[in-house]
């Protein structure tokens, strides 16, 4: 069942590193993966994210970046590193 805990929006400027940290925090809280087990280069699929969770991540991330995002974003950019790098470039951070 989906965990309804909120992951806090990054404090300070929204940077690629801040987005990367938020995504790691999200995995820790919602997918219940120990922080030390997260490799930001591994695919989201390797952590067991299914399409339902991918859409939830995308929706939560929209609130962080204050912009509409494609629900398929986690399939296009399949790791924490790839997604945070893409968003930083897209948002011109």
Protein backbone atom coordinates (compact mmCIF):
# COMPACT_ATOMS: atom_id res chain seq x y z
CA UNK A 1 0.00 0.00 0.00
CA UNK A 2 1.21 3.50 -0.83
CA UNK A 3 2.78 5.31 2.09
CA UNK A 4 1.21 8.77 2.52
CA UNK A 5 4.21 10.33 4.26
CA UNK A 6 5.35 13.54 2.67
CA UNK A 7 8.91 14.17 1.60
CA UNK A 8 9.83 17.78 2.30
CA UNK A 9 10.55 20.09 -0.61
CA UNK A 10 14.27 20.85 -0.77
CA UNK A 11 15.32 23.87 1.27
CA UNK A 12 17.20 26.61 -0.54
CA UNK A 13 17.77 26.73 -4.29
CA UNK A 14 16.43 23.89 -6.42
CA UNK A 15 19.59 22.37 -7.89
CA UNK A 16 20.43 19.08 -9.56
CA UNK A 17 21.88 17.88 -6.23
CA UNK A 18 18.75 18.99 -4.33
CA UNK A 19 16.54 17.08 -6.80
CA UNK A 20 18.77 14.01 -6.50
CA UNK A 21 18.50 14.16 -2.69
CA UNK A 22 14.72 14.58 -2.85
CA UNK A 23 14.41 11.52 -5.10
CA UNK A 24 16.57 9.48 -2.71
CA UNK A 25 14.45 10.67 0.24
CA UNK A 26 11.31 9.69 -1.67
CA UNK A 27 12.61 6.16 -2.25
CA UNK A 28 13.59 5.85 1.42
CA UNK A 29 10.16 6.95 2.66
CA UNK A 30 7.78 5.51 0.07
CA UNK A 31 9.52 2.39 -1.20
CA UNK A 32 11.11 1.72 2.19
CA UNK A 33 14.63 1.20 0.89
CA UNK A 34 17.42 1.85 3.39
CA UNK A 35 19.32 5.00 2.36
CA UNK A 36 22.64 3.11 2.32
CA UNK A 37 21.20 0.64 -0.22
CA UNK A 38 20.33 3.30 -2.78
CA UNK A 39 22.63 3.62 -5.77
CA UNK A 40 21.50 6.68 -7.73
CA UNK A 41 22.77 5.13 -10.97
CA UNK A 42 20.51 2.04 -10.65
CA UNK A 43 17.20 2.01 -12.49
CA UNK A 44 13.96 2.75 -10.68
CA UNK A 45 12.81 -0.68 -11.84
CA UNK A 46 15.68 -2.25 -9.85
CA UNK A 47 14.02 -0.82 -6.72
CA UNK A 48 10.67 -2.35 -7.61
CA UNK A 49 8.89 0.79 -8.78
CA UNK A 50 5.86 -0.18 -10.81
CA UNK A 51 3.83 2.10 -13.07
CA UNK A 52 1.50 3.16 -10.23
CA UNK A 53 4.40 4.28 -8.04
CA UNK A 54 6.12 5.94 -11.02
CA UNK A 55 3.01 8.09 -11.56
CA UNK A 56 2.92 8.94 -7.83
CA UNK A 57 6.60 9.96 -7.89
CA UNK A 58 5.97 12.13 -10.94
CA UNK A 59 2.98 13.78 -9.23
CA UNK A 60 4.95 14.50 -6.06
CA UNK A 61 7.86 15.80 -8.11
CA UNK A 62 5.52 18.22 -9.93
CA UNK A 63 4.90 19.92 -6.59
CA UNK A 64 8.64 20.20 -5.96
CA UNK A 65 9.47 21.75 -9.35
CA UNK A 66 6.14 23.60 -9.61
CA UNK A 67 5.61 22.43 -13.17
CA UNK A 68 3.55 19.75 -14.98
CA UNK A 69 5.58 16.65 -15.71
CA UNK A 70 4.91 13.63 -17.87
CA UNK A 71 3.72 10.61 -15.87
CA UNK A 72 6.12 8.56 -18.03
CA UNK A 73 9.15 10.59 -16.95
CA UNK A 74 10.58 7.75 -14.83
CA UNK A 75 10.51 5.49 -17.88
CA UNK A 76 12.32 8.03 -20.04
CA UNK A 77 14.92 8.86 -17.35
CA UNK A 78 15.30 5.57 -15.54
CA UNK A 79 17.55 6.42 -12.60
CA UNK A 80 17.81 9.07 -9.91
CA UNK A 81 20.94 10.45 -11.63
CA UNK A 82 19.35 10.57 -15.09
CA UNK A 83 16.11 12.13 -13.87
CA UNK A 84 17.74 14.79 -11.69
CA UNK A 85 20.17 15.69 -14.50
CA UNK A 86 17.32 15.98 -17.00
CA UNK A 87 15.18 18.10 -14.67
CA UNK A 88 18.07 20.43 -13.84
CA UNK A 89 18.70 20.98 -17.57
CA UNK A 90 14.97 21.30 -18.39
CA UNK A 91 14.39 23.77 -15.55
CA UNK A 92 17.68 25.53 -16.31
CA UNK A 93 18.91 25.18 -12.74
